[in-house]
Amino acid sequence: MSKSPLLVLHLVGLALSVGSVLALDLRLVRLLCGGRIAPEDLGFAAFLKPLVRAGLVLLWISGLGFLVLGHLNGSDLLANPKLHAKVAIVAVLTLNGVAVERHAFGALARNVGRRLFDGLSQGQAARLLLVAAVSAAGWYAALVMGAVRELNVLAGAEVFLLAYGGLVAGAAGLLWGIKRLVYDAGDAAAEAGPLQAVPSPQAQPS
């Protein structure tokens, strides 16, 4: 049995998911820099949400198909450590998709007309940024792992997963740093108010 149909499904699923996440990340940059959430942002997210879902479904179908085909053909695909890591990452992304819809899309809907983190506690903001970091790092890691065949024999699955964890931590730290710089520092400056001019001492009559 040819694996070409499965490969096509896999590539389409990856393109749908990674392309949609990239588009959302570019929109998120504007919001992270203090832009206010517009109704168009909600419409954009609602348009891309089913594309990400469809991509995930295609990836699971094609991935399981590759495993079944490899088992029937007696190949060593099941022993590939990169495959183990990739399945684990896609599983994390699938679970993270639920968090994206609950936290990320919920925050967008509640803050239309306001900035992304307005009205959110530090804990809520941290969860939102962690969800975004897991999504972005995971999809880009899956893209690289699928495209670079040399990774098949480079290292064990634990090395790939540790690298993914490092990417998530780095992305989350970067996003949190931007949030602190743009929002927290700006809010602190606004609360301090404008500097009051110090009146110059007037000459005393002799």
N, C-alpha and C. Protein backbone atom coordinates (compact mmCIF):
# COMPACT_ATOMS: atom_id res chain seq x y z
N MET A 1 0.85 -1.20 0.00
CA MET A 1 0.00 0.00 0.00
C MET A 1 0.88 1.25 0.00
N SER A 2 0.56 2.20 -0.87
CA SER A 2 1.34 3.43 -0.96
C SER A 2 1.04 4.36 0.21
N LYS A 3 2.08 5.04 0.67
CA LYS A 3 1.89 6.00 1.75
C LYS A 3 1.69 7.42 1.24
N SER A 4 1.62 7.60 -0.09
CA SER A 4 1.46 8.94 -0.65
C SER A 4 0.18 9.63 -0.19
N PRO A 5 -1.00 8.95 -0.18
CA PRO A 5 -2.21 9.63 0.32
C PRO A 5 -2.07 10.10 1.77
N LEU A 6 -1.43 9.28 2.59
CA LEU A 6 -1.21 9.67 3.99
C LEU A 6 -0.27 10.87 4.08
N LEU A 7 0.74 10.89 3.22
CA LEU A 7 1.69 12.00 3.23
C LEU A 7 0.99 13.30 2.83
N VAL A 8 0.10 13.22 1.84
CA VAL A 8 -0.66 14.40 1.42
C VAL A 8 -1.52 14.90 2.57
N LEU A 9 -2.24 13.99 3.23
CA LEU A 9 -3.06 14.38 4.38
C LEU A 9 -2.21 15.03 5.46
N HIS A 10 -1.05 14.45 5.70
CA HIS A 10 -0.17 14.96 6.75
C HIS A 10 0.30 16.38 6.42
N LEU A 11 0.71 16.59 5.18
CA LEU A 11 1.20 17.91 4.78
C LEU A 11 0.09 18.96 4.81
N VAL A 12 -1.11 18.56 4.38
CA VAL A 12 -2.25 19.50 4.41
C VAL A 12 -2.58 19.85 5.85
N GLY A 13 -2.61 18.85 6.73
CA GLY A 13 -2.90 19.12 8.14
C GLY A 13 -1.87 20.03 8.76
N LEU A 14 -0.60 19.79 8.46
CA LEU A 14 0.47 20.63 9.01
C LEU A 14 0.37 22.06 8.47
N ALA A 15 0.07 22.18 7.18
CA ALA A 15 -0.05 23.52 6.59
C ALA A 15 -1.21 24.29 7.20
N LEU A 16 -2.36 23.63 7.38
CA LEU A 16 -3.51 24.30 7.98
C LEU A 16 -3.20 24.78 9.40
N SER A 17 -2.62 23.88 10.18
CA SER A 17 -2.38 24.21 11.59
C SER A 17 -1.29 25.26 11.75
N VAL A 18 -0.14 25.02 11.13
CA VAL A 18 0.98 25.95 11.29
C VAL A 18 0.66 27.30 10.66
N GLY A 19 0.02 27.29 9.51
CA GLY A 19 -0.35 28.56 8.87
C GLY A 19 -1.32 29.37 9.71
N SER A 20 -2.30 28.70 10.30
CA SER A 20 -3.27 29.40 11.14
C SER A 20 -2.62 29.94 12.40
N VAL A 21 -1.75 29.14 13.03
CA VAL A 21 -1.08 29.59 14.24
C VAL A 21 -0.15 30.76 13.94
N LEU A 22 0.54 30.72 12.81
CA LEU A 22 1.42 31.83 12.42
C LEU A 22 0.60 33.11 12.23
N ALA A 23 -0.55 33.00 11.58
CA ALA A 23 -1.39 34.17 11.38
C ALA A 23 -1.88 34.73 12.71
N LEU A 24 -2.26 33.84 13.63
CA LEU A 24 -2.69 34.30 14.95
C LEU A 24 -1.54 34.93 15.73
N ASP A 25 -0.35 34.37 15.61
CA ASP A 25 0.80 34.93 16.31
C ASP A 25 1.12 36.34 15.82
N LEU A 26 1.01 36.55 14.51
CA LEU A 26 1.26 37.89 13.97
C LEU A 26 0.24 38.89 14.48
N ARG A 27 -1.01 38.45 14.61
CA ARG A 27 -2.04 39.33 15.17
C ARG A 27 -1.78 39.57 16.66
N LEU A 28 -1.27 38.56 17.35
CA LEU A 28 -0.99 38.69 18.78
C LEU A 28 0.11 39.71 19.05
N VAL A 29 1.05 39.84 18.12
CA VAL A 29 2.13 40.81 18.31
C VAL A 29 1.56 42.21 18.49
N ARG A 30 0.58 42.57 17.68
CA ARG A 30 -0.03 43.91 17.79
C ARG A 30 -0.70 44.09 19.15
N LEU A 31 -1.38 43.05 19.61
CA LEU A 31 -2.07 43.14 20.90
C LEU A 31 -1.08 43.17 22.05
N LEU A 32 0.01 42.42 21.93
CA LEU A 32 1.02 42.43 22.98
C LEU A 32 1.68 43.80 23.10
N CYS A 33 1.74 44.52 21.99
CA CYS A 33 2.36 45.85 22.00
C CYS A 33 1.39 46.93 22.46
N GLY A 34 0.25 46.54 22.99
CA GLY A 34 -0.68 47.50 23.57
C GLY A 34 -1.85 47.87 22.70
N GLY A 35 -1.98 47.25 21.53
CA GLY A 35 -3.13 47.54 20.67
C GLY A 35 -4.43 47.08 21.30
N ARG A 36 -5.50 47.79 21.02
CA ARG A 36 -6.80 47.42 21.58
C ARG A 36 -7.46 46.36 20.71
N ILE A 37 -8.21 45.48 21.36
CA ILE A 37 -8.86 44.38 20.67
C ILE A 37 -10.07 44.91 19.91
N ALA A 38 -10.11 44.64 18.62
CA ALA A 38 -11.21 45.08 17.76
C ALA A 38 -12.13 43.89 17.47
N PRO A 39 -13.38 44.15 17.10
CA PRO A 39 -14.25 43.04 16.71
C PRO A 39 -13.67 42.20 15.58
N GLU A 40 -12.86 42.84 14.72
CA GLU A 40 -12.25 42.10 13.63
C GLU A 40 -11.28 41.02 14.15
N ASP A 41 -10.67 41.29 15.31
CA ASP A 41 -9.78 40.28 15.88
C ASP A 41 -10.55 39.02 16.27
N LEU A 42 -11.76 39.21 16.82
CA LEU A 42 -12.59 38.06 17.17
C LEU A 42 -13.00 37.29 15.92
N GLY A 43 -13.38 38.02 14.88
CA GLY A 43 -13.77 37.37 13.64
C GLY A 43 -12.61 36.61 13.01
N PHE A 44 -11.42 37.18 13.10
CA PHE A 44 -10.23 36.53 12.55
C PHE A 44 -9.94 35.23 13.30
N ALA A 45 -10.02 35.28 14.64
CA ALA A 45 -9.77 34.09 15.44
C ALA A 45 -10.84 33.03 15.19
N ALA A 46 -12.10 33.47 15.06
CA ALA A 46 -13.19 32.52 14.80
C ALA A 46 -13.03 31.85 13.44
N PHE A 47 -12.48 32.58 12.47
CA PHE A 47 -12.26 32.01 11.14
C PHE A 47 -11.16 30.95 11.16
N LEU A 48 -10.10 31.21 11.94
CA LEU A 48 -8.95 30.31 11.95
C LEU A 48 -9.16 29.09 12.86
N LYS A 49 -10.04 29.22 13.85
CA LYS A 49 -10.22 28.14 14.82
C LYS A 49 -10.58 26.80 14.17
N PRO A 50 -11.57 26.74 13.25
CA PRO A 50 -11.86 25.44 12.63
C PRO A 50 -10.74 24.93 11.73
N LEU A 51 -9.91 25.84 11.20
CA LEU A 51 -8.79 25.39 10.38
C LEU A 51 -7.75 24.65 11.22
N VAL A 52 -7.50 25.17 12.43
CA VAL A 52 -6.56 24.49 13.33
C VAL A 52 -7.12 23.12 13.72
N ARG A 53 -8.43 23.08 14.01
CA ARG A 53 -9.06 21.80 14.37
C ARG A 53 -8.94 20.80 13.23
N ALA A 54 -9.23 21.27 12.02
CA ALA A 54 -9.14 20.37 10.87
C ALA A 54 -7.71 19.88 10.68
N GLY A 55 -6.74 20.76 10.87
CA GLY A 55 -5.35 20.36 10.75
C GLY A 55 -4.98 19.29 11.76
N LEU A 56 -5.45 19.44 13.00
CA LEU A 56 -5.16 18.45 14.03
C LEU A 56 -5.78 17.09 13.66
N VAL A 57 -7.01 17.12 13.19
CA VAL A 57 -7.67 15.86 12.80
C VAL A 57 -6.89 15.16 11.70
N LEU A 58 -6.48 15.91 10.69
CA LEU A 58 -5.71 15.32 9.59
C LEU A 58 -4.36 14.78 10.06
N LEU A 59 -3.74 15.48 11.00
CA LEU A 59 -2.46 15.00 11.51
C LEU A 59 -2.62 13.69 12.29
N TRP A 60 -3.69 13.59 13.08
CA TRP A 60 -3.91 12.35 13.82
C TRP A 60 -4.25 11.20 12.87
N ILE A 61 -5.09 11.48 11.88
CA ILE A 61 -5.46 10.42 10.93
C ILE A 61 -4.24 9.93 10.16
N SER A 62 -3.47 10.87 9.63
CA SER A 62 -2.29 10.48 8.84
C SER A 62 -1.23 9.84 9.72
N GLY A 63 -1.04 10.38 10.93
CA GLY A 63 -0.03 9.81 11.82
C GLY A 63 -0.35 8.38 12.21
N LEU A 64 -1.61 8.13 12.59
CA LEU A 64 -2.01 6.76 12.93
C LEU A 64 -1.93 5.86 11.71
N GLY A 65 -2.25 6.43 10.53
CA GLY A 65 -2.15 5.65 9.31
C GLY A 65 -0.72 5.23 9.02
N PHE A 66 0.24 6.15 9.26
CA PHE A 66 1.65 5.81 9.06
C PHE A 66 2.06 4.67 10.00
N LEU A 67 1.57 4.72 11.24
CA LEU A 67 1.93 3.68 12.20
C LEU A 67 1.39 2.32 11.77
N VAL A 68 0.13 2.30 11.35
CA VAL A 68 -0.48 1.04 10.90
C VAL A 68 0.24 0.51 9.66
N LEU A 69 0.53 1.41 8.73
CA LEU A 69 1.21 1.00 7.50
C LEU A 69 2.61 0.47 7.80
N GLY A 70 3.31 1.14 8.71
CA GLY A 70 4.64 0.68 9.07
C GLY A 70 4.61 -0.67 9.74
N HIS A 71 3.59 -0.90 10.58
CA HIS A 71 3.46 -2.21 11.23
C HIS A 71 3.18 -3.31 10.20
N LEU A 72 2.31 -3.02 9.24
CA LEU A 72 1.97 -4.03 8.23
C LEU A 72 3.16 -4.33 7.32
N ASN A 73 3.97 -3.32 7.06
CA ASN A 73 5.13 -3.52 6.17
C ASN A 73 6.36 -4.02 6.91
N GLY A 74 6.23 -4.13 8.24
CA GLY A 74 7.36 -4.62 9.02
C GLY A 74 8.52 -3.66 9.11
N SER A 75 8.26 -2.35 8.99
CA SER A 75 9.35 -1.36 9.06
C SER A 75 9.66 -1.06 10.53
N ASP A 76 10.76 -0.33 10.72
CA ASP A 76 11.17 0.05 12.07
C ASP A 76 10.64 1.43 12.46
N LEU A 77 9.54 1.85 11.83
CA LEU A 77 8.99 3.18 12.10
C LEU A 77 8.61 3.35 13.56
N LEU A 78 8.06 2.29 14.16
CA LEU A 78 7.61 2.39 15.54
C LEU A 78 8.76 2.60 16.52
N ALA A 79 9.98 2.29 16.09
CA ALA A 79 11.14 2.46 16.96
C ALA A 79 11.81 3.82 16.77
N ASN A 80 11.26 4.67 15.92
CA ASN A 80 11.86 5.98 15.63
C ASN A 80 11.62 6.93 16.81
N PRO A 81 12.68 7.38 17.50
CA PRO A 81 12.49 8.26 18.66
C PRO A 81 11.88 9.61 18.29
N LYS A 82 12.19 10.09 17.08
CA LYS A 82 11.60 11.37 16.66
C LYS A 82 10.09 11.24 16.55
N LEU A 83 9.62 10.08 16.09
CA LEU A 83 8.18 9.85 15.98
C LEU A 83 7.53 9.87 17.35
N HIS A 84 8.17 9.24 18.34
CA HIS A 84 7.64 9.23 19.69
C HIS A 84 7.48 10.66 20.22
N ALA A 85 8.53 11.46 20.01
CA ALA A 85 8.49 12.85 20.49
C ALA A 85 7.42 13.65 19.75
N LYS A 86 7.30 13.42 18.45
CA LYS A 86 6.33 14.18 17.67
C LYS A 86 4.90 13.84 18.08
N VAL A 87 4.63 12.55 18.34
CA VAL A 87 3.30 12.15 18.81
C VAL A 87 3.00 12.81 20.16
N ALA A 88 3.99 12.84 21.04
CA ALA A 88 3.79 13.46 22.35
C ALA A 88 3.51 14.96 22.21
N ILE A 89 4.23 15.63 21.31
CA ILE A 89 4.03 17.07 21.13
C ILE A 89 2.66 17.35 20.53
N VAL A 90 2.24 16.56 19.55
CA VAL A 90 0.91 16.75 18.96
C VAL A 90 -0.18 16.48 19.99
N ALA A 91 0.05 15.51 20.89
CA ALA A 91 -0.92 15.27 21.96
C ALA A 91 -1.01 16.48 22.88
N VAL A 92 0.14 17.07 23.22
CA VAL A 92 0.14 18.28 24.05
C VAL A 92 -0.59 19.42 23.33
N LEU A 93 -0.36 19.56 22.04
CA LEU A 93 -1.01 20.62 21.27
C LEU A 93 -2.52 20.40 21.20
N THR A 94 -2.94 19.15 21.14
CA THR A 94 -4.37 18.85 21.11
C THR A 94 -5.03 19.29 22.42
N LEU A 95 -4.41 18.93 23.55
CA LEU A 95 -4.93 19.34 24.86
C LEU A 95 -4.85 20.86 25.03
N ASN A 96 -3.75 21.44 24.53
CA ASN A 96 -3.58 22.88 24.64
C ASN A 96 -4.61 23.64 23.82
N GLY A 97 -5.11 22.99 22.74
CA GLY A 97 -6.15 23.64 21.94
C GLY A 97 -7.40 23.93 22.75
N VAL A 98 -7.72 23.05 23.70
CA VAL A 98 -8.87 23.30 24.59
C VAL A 98 -8.61 24.54 25.44
N ALA A 99 -7.38 24.65 25.96
CA ALA A 99 -7.03 25.81 26.77
C ALA A 99 -7.03 27.09 25.95
N VAL A 100 -6.62 26.99 24.68
CA VAL A 100 -6.64 28.17 23.81
C VAL A 100 -8.06 28.70 23.68
N GLU A 101 -9.02 27.81 23.45
CA GLU A 101 -10.40 28.24 23.28
C GLU A 101 -10.98 28.79 24.57
N ARG A 102 -10.58 28.22 25.71
CA ARG A 102 -11.12 28.67 26.99
C ARG A 102 -10.52 29.98 27.44
N HIS A 103 -9.19 30.09 27.38
CA HIS A 103 -8.50 31.24 27.95
C HIS A 103 -8.23 32.33 26.91
N ALA A 104 -7.60 31.94 25.79
CA ALA A 104 -7.21 32.95 24.81
C ALA A 104 -8.42 33.59 24.14
N PHE A 105 -9.30 32.76 23.57
CA PHE A 105 -10.47 33.31 22.90
C PHE A 105 -11.42 33.98 23.88
N GLY A 106 -11.48 33.44 25.11
CA GLY A 106 -12.32 34.07 26.14
C GLY A 106 -11.81 35.45 26.50
N ALA A 107 -10.48 35.60 26.62
CA ALA A 107 -9.90 36.90 26.94
C ALA A 107 -10.15 37.90 25.82
N LEU A 108 -10.06 37.44 24.58
CA LEU A 108 -10.34 38.33 23.45
C LEU A 108 -11.78 38.82 23.49
N ALA A 109 -12.70 37.90 23.74
CA ALA A 109 -14.12 38.27 23.73
C ALA A 109 -14.46 39.23 24.86
N ARG A 110 -13.86 39.04 26.04
CA ARG A 110 -14.18 39.90 27.18
C ARG A 110 -13.58 41.29 27.06
N ASN A 111 -12.50 41.43 26.31
CA ASN A 111 -11.77 42.70 26.29
C ASN A 111 -11.89 43.45 24.97
N VAL A 112 -12.94 43.23 24.23
CA VAL A 112 -13.13 44.00 23.00
C VAL A 112 -13.20 45.48 23.33
N GLY A 113 -12.41 46.27 22.65
CA GLY A 113 -12.35 47.70 22.92
C GLY A 113 -11.30 48.06 23.95
N ARG A 114 -10.71 47.05 24.60
CA ARG A 114 -9.67 47.29 25.58
C ARG A 114 -8.39 46.57 25.16
N ARG A 115 -7.36 46.71 25.96
CA ARG A 115 -6.11 46.01 25.69
C ARG A 115 -6.22 44.56 26.15
N LEU A 116 -5.30 43.74 25.68
CA LEU A 116 -5.40 42.30 25.89
C LEU A 116 -5.42 41.92 27.37
N PHE A 117 -4.58 42.57 28.19
CA PHE A 117 -4.46 42.16 29.59
C PHE A 117 -5.26 43.04 30.55
N ASP A 118 -6.02 43.99 30.04
CA ASP A 118 -6.82 44.84 30.91
C ASP A 118 -7.84 43.99 31.65
N GLY A 119 -7.91 44.16 32.97
CA GLY A 119 -8.87 43.42 33.78
C GLY A 119 -8.44 42.02 34.15
N LEU A 120 -7.26 41.58 33.70
CA LEU A 120 -6.77 40.25 34.03
C LEU A 120 -5.80 40.33 35.20
N SER A 121 -5.87 39.34 36.10
CA SER A 121 -4.89 39.25 37.17
C SER A 121 -3.56 38.77 36.59
N GLN A 122 -2.52 38.85 37.41
CA GLN A 122 -1.22 38.37 36.94
C GLN A 122 -1.26 36.87 36.64
N GLY A 123 -2.00 36.11 37.46
CA GLY A 123 -2.13 34.68 37.21
C GLY A 123 -2.85 34.37 35.91
N GLN A 124 -3.94 35.11 35.64
CA GLN A 124 -4.67 34.92 34.39
C GLN A 124 -3.81 35.29 33.18
N ALA A 125 -3.06 36.38 33.30
CA ALA A 125 -2.17 36.79 32.21
C ALA A 125 -1.09 35.74 31.98
N ALA A 126 -0.55 35.17 33.07
CA ALA A 126 0.49 34.15 32.94
C ALA A 126 -0.05 32.90 32.25
N ARG A 127 -1.27 32.48 32.59
CA ARG A 127 -1.87 31.31 31.93
C ARG A 127 -2.08 31.57 30.45
N LEU A 128 -2.54 32.77 30.13
CA LEU A 128 -2.77 33.12 28.73
C LEU A 128 -1.48 33.06 27.92
N LEU A 129 -0.41 33.60 28.48
CA LEU A 129 0.87 33.61 27.77
C LEU A 129 1.47 32.21 27.69
N LEU A 130 1.27 31.40 28.73
CA LEU A 130 1.78 30.03 28.69
C LEU A 130 1.08 29.22 27.60
N VAL A 131 -0.23 29.40 27.48
CA VAL A 131 -0.99 28.72 26.43
C VAL A 131 -0.47 29.12 25.06
N ALA A 132 -0.22 30.42 24.88
CA ALA A 132 0.30 30.89 23.59
C ALA A 132 1.69 30.33 23.32
N ALA A 133 2.53 30.25 24.35
CA ALA A 133 3.89 29.74 24.17
C ALA A 133 3.89 28.26 23.82
N VAL A 134 3.05 27.47 24.50
CA VAL A 134 2.96 26.04 24.21
C VAL A 134 2.51 25.82 22.77
N SER A 135 1.54 26.62 22.32
CA SER A 135 1.03 26.47 20.97
C SER A 135 2.09 26.84 19.93
N ALA A 136 2.67 28.02 20.06
CA ALA A 136 3.62 28.47 19.05
C ALA A 136 4.84 27.56 18.99
N ALA A 137 5.45 27.28 20.14
CA ALA A 137 6.65 26.44 20.15
C ALA A 137 6.34 25.04 19.64
N GLY A 138 5.18 24.50 20.00
CA GLY A 138 4.84 23.15 19.59
C GLY A 138 4.65 23.01 18.09
N TRP A 139 3.93 23.93 17.48
CA TRP A 139 3.66 23.81 16.05
C TRP A 139 4.92 24.03 15.23
N TYR A 140 5.75 24.98 15.64
CA TYR A 140 6.98 25.20 14.89
C TYR A 140 7.95 24.05 15.08
N ALA A 141 7.97 23.46 16.28
CA ALA A 141 8.82 22.29 16.52
C ALA A 141 8.34 21.10 15.68
N ALA A 142 7.02 20.92 15.62
CA ALA A 142 6.47 19.82 14.81
C ALA A 142 6.81 20.01 13.34
N LEU A 143 6.78 21.26 12.87
CA LEU A 143 7.12 21.54 11.47
C LEU A 143 8.57 21.18 11.18
N VAL A 144 9.48 21.59 12.07
CA VAL A 144 10.90 21.31 11.86
C VAL A 144 11.17 19.80 11.94
N MET A 145 10.56 19.14 12.91
CA MET A 145 10.79 17.70 13.08
C MET A 145 10.26 16.91 11.89
N GLY A 146 9.17 17.39 11.29
CA GLY A 146 8.64 16.69 10.14
C GLY A 146 9.42 16.94 8.87
N ALA A 147 10.07 18.10 8.79
CA ALA A 147 10.76 18.47 7.55
C ALA A 147 12.21 18.00 7.51
N VAL A 148 12.86 17.92 8.65
CA VAL A 148 14.29 17.59 8.69
C VAL A 148 14.46 16.09 8.98
N ARG A 149 14.74 15.33 7.96
CA ARG A 149 14.88 13.88 8.11
C ARG A 149 16.12 13.49 8.90
N GLU A 150 17.13 14.36 8.90
CA GLU A 150 18.35 14.05 9.63
C GLU A 150 18.11 13.90 11.13
N LEU A 151 17.00 14.42 11.62
CA LEU A 151 16.71 14.31 13.05
C LEU A 151 16.29 12.90 13.45
N ASN A 152 16.00 12.05 12.46
CA ASN A 152 15.53 10.70 12.77
C ASN A 152 16.52 9.92 13.63
N VAL A 153 17.80 10.13 13.40
CA VAL A 153 18.82 9.36 14.12
C VAL A 153 19.71 10.26 14.97
N LEU A 154 19.28 11.49 15.19
CA LEU A 154 20.14 12.43 15.89
C LEU A 154 20.17 12.19 17.40
N ALA A 155 19.01 11.92 17.98
CA ALA A 155 18.93 11.80 19.44
C ALA A 155 17.69 11.01 19.83
N GLY A 156 17.58 10.73 21.13
CA GLY A 156 16.43 10.02 21.65
C GLY A 156 15.24 10.94 21.81
N ALA A 157 14.08 10.34 22.08
CA ALA A 157 12.85 11.12 22.22
C ALA A 157 12.95 12.11 23.36
N GLU A 158 13.64 11.73 24.46
CA GLU A 158 13.73 12.62 25.61
C GLU A 158 14.47 13.90 25.28
N VAL A 159 15.44 13.82 24.36
CA VAL A 159 16.18 15.03 23.96
C VAL A 159 15.26 15.98 23.20
N PHE A 160 14.46 15.44 22.29
CA PHE A 160 13.50 16.27 21.56
C PHE A 160 12.50 16.93 22.50
N LEU A 161 12.01 16.16 23.48
CA LEU A 161 11.02 16.70 24.40
C LEU A 161 11.64 17.75 25.33
N LEU A 162 12.88 17.53 25.74
CA LEU A 162 13.57 18.55 26.55
C LEU A 162 13.78 19.83 25.74
N ALA A 163 14.14 19.67 24.47
CA ALA A 163 14.31 20.84 23.61
C ALA A 163 12.99 21.58 23.45
N TYR A 164 11.90 20.83 23.31
CA TYR A 164 10.58 21.46 23.20
C TYR A 164 10.24 22.21 24.49
N GLY A 165 10.52 21.58 25.65
CA GLY A 165 10.28 22.26 26.91
C GLY A 165 11.08 23.54 27.03
N GLY A 166 12.33 23.50 26.54
CA GLY A 166 13.14 24.72 26.56
C GLY A 166 12.57 25.80 25.66
N LEU A 167 12.06 25.41 24.50
CA LEU A 167 11.43 26.38 23.60
C LEU A 167 10.20 27.01 24.24
N VAL A 168 9.39 26.19 24.91
CA VAL A 168 8.20 26.71 25.58
C VAL A 168 8.60 27.70 26.68
N ALA A 169 9.59 27.32 27.49
CA ALA A 169 10.04 28.20 28.56
C ALA A 169 10.59 29.51 28.01
N GLY A 170 11.39 29.42 26.95
CA GLY A 170 11.94 30.63 26.35
C GLY A 170 10.87 31.53 25.77
N ALA A 171 9.90 30.92 25.06
CA ALA A 171 8.81 31.72 24.47
C ALA A 171 7.95 32.36 25.55
N ALA A 172 7.66 31.60 26.61
CA ALA A 172 6.85 32.15 27.70
C ALA A 172 7.58 33.29 28.39
N GLY A 173 8.89 33.12 28.61
CA GLY A 173 9.67 34.19 29.23
C GLY A 173 9.72 35.44 28.38
N LEU A 174 9.86 35.26 27.07
CA LEU A 174 9.89 36.41 26.16
C LEU A 174 8.55 37.15 26.18
N LEU A 175 7.45 36.40 26.10
CA LEU A 175 6.14 37.02 26.11
C LEU A 175 5.87 37.73 27.43
N TRP A 176 6.28 37.12 28.54
CA TRP A 176 6.08 37.75 29.84
C TRP A 176 6.91 39.03 29.96
N GLY A 177 8.13 39.00 29.42
CA GLY A 177 8.95 40.20 29.43
C GLY A 177 8.33 41.33 28.63
N ILE A 178 7.75 41.01 27.47
CA ILE A 178 7.07 42.04 26.68
C ILE A 178 5.87 42.59 27.43
N LYS A 179 5.13 41.69 28.07
CA LYS A 179 3.96 42.13 28.84
C LYS A 179 4.37 43.07 29.97
N ARG A 180 5.44 42.72 30.68
CA ARG A 180 5.91 43.57 31.78
C ARG A 180 6.37 44.93 31.26
N LEU A 181 7.06 44.92 30.12
CA LEU A 181 7.60 46.16 29.58
C LEU A 181 6.50 47.07 29.06
N VAL A 182 5.55 46.50 28.32
CA VAL A 182 4.53 47.31 27.65
C VAL A 182 3.40 47.69 28.60
N TYR A 183 2.92 46.72 29.38
CA TYR A 183 1.74 46.95 30.21
C TYR A 183 2.10 47.42 31.61
N ASP A 184 2.88 46.63 32.33
CA ASP A 184 3.14 46.94 33.73
C ASP A 184 3.90 48.25 33.90
N ALA A 185 4.96 48.43 33.09
CA ALA A 185 5.73 49.66 33.19
C ALA A 185 4.89 50.86 32.75
N GLY A 186 4.09 50.67 31.69
CA GLY A 186 3.24 51.77 31.23
C GLY A 186 2.17 52.14 32.24
N ASP A 187 1.56 51.13 32.87
CA ASP A 187 0.53 51.40 33.88
C ASP A 187 1.12 52.09 35.09
N ALA A 188 2.34 51.68 35.49
CA ALA A 188 2.98 52.31 36.64
C ALA A 188 3.27 53.78 36.36
N ALA A 189 3.71 54.06 35.13
CA ALA A 189 3.99 55.45 34.78
C ALA A 189 2.71 56.28 34.74
N ALA A 190 1.61 55.66 34.28
CA ALA A 190 0.35 56.39 34.23
C ALA A 190 -0.18 56.69 35.62
N GLU A 191 -0.01 55.72 36.55
CA GLU A 191 -0.49 55.94 37.91
C GLU A 191 0.32 57.02 38.62
N ALA A 192 1.61 57.13 38.26
CA ALA A 192 2.44 58.15 38.89
C ALA A 192 2.00 59.55 38.49
N GLY A 193 1.40 59.67 37.29
CA GLY A 193 0.91 60.95 36.84
C GLY A 193 2.02 61.84 36.35
N PRO A 194 1.65 62.97 35.75
CA PRO A 194 2.67 63.89 35.24
C PRO A 194 3.47 64.51 36.38
N LEU A 195 4.72 64.78 36.11
CA LEU A 195 5.56 65.43 37.12
C LEU A 195 5.05 66.84 37.39
N GLN A 196 4.95 67.17 38.66
CA GLN A 196 4.51 68.49 39.04
C GLN A 196 5.69 69.46 39.01
N ALA A 197 5.46 70.59 38.43
CA ALA A 197 6.51 71.60 38.37
C ALA A 197 6.76 72.16 39.77
N VAL A 198 8.00 72.27 40.16
CA VAL A 198 8.36 72.81 41.48
C VAL A 198 8.41 74.33 41.37
N PRO A 199 7.56 75.04 42.16
CA PRO A 199 7.56 76.51 42.05
C PRO A 199 8.88 77.09 42.51
N SER A 200 9.33 78.06 41.75
CA SER A 200 10.60 78.71 42.11
C SER A 200 10.37 79.65 43.29
N PRO A 201 11.30 79.69 44.21
CA PRO A 201 11.14 80.58 45.39
C PRO A 201 11.10 82.04 44.96
N GLN A 202 10.17 82.75 45.53
CA GLN A 202 10.04 84.17 45.21
C GLN A 202 10.93 84.99 46.14
N ALA A 203 11.37 86.08 45.62
CA ALA A 203 12.26 86.95 46.42
C ALA A 203 11.49 87.53 47.59
N GLN A 204 12.06 87.49 48.78
CA GLN A 204 11.44 88.04 49.98
C GLN A 204 11.69 89.55 50.03
N PRO A 205 10.69 90.33 50.41
CA PRO A 205 10.89 91.79 50.52
C PRO A 205 11.90 92.11 51.62
N SER A 206 12.75 93.07 51.34
CA SER A 206 13.76 93.46 52.32
C SER A 206 13.15 94.37 53.37
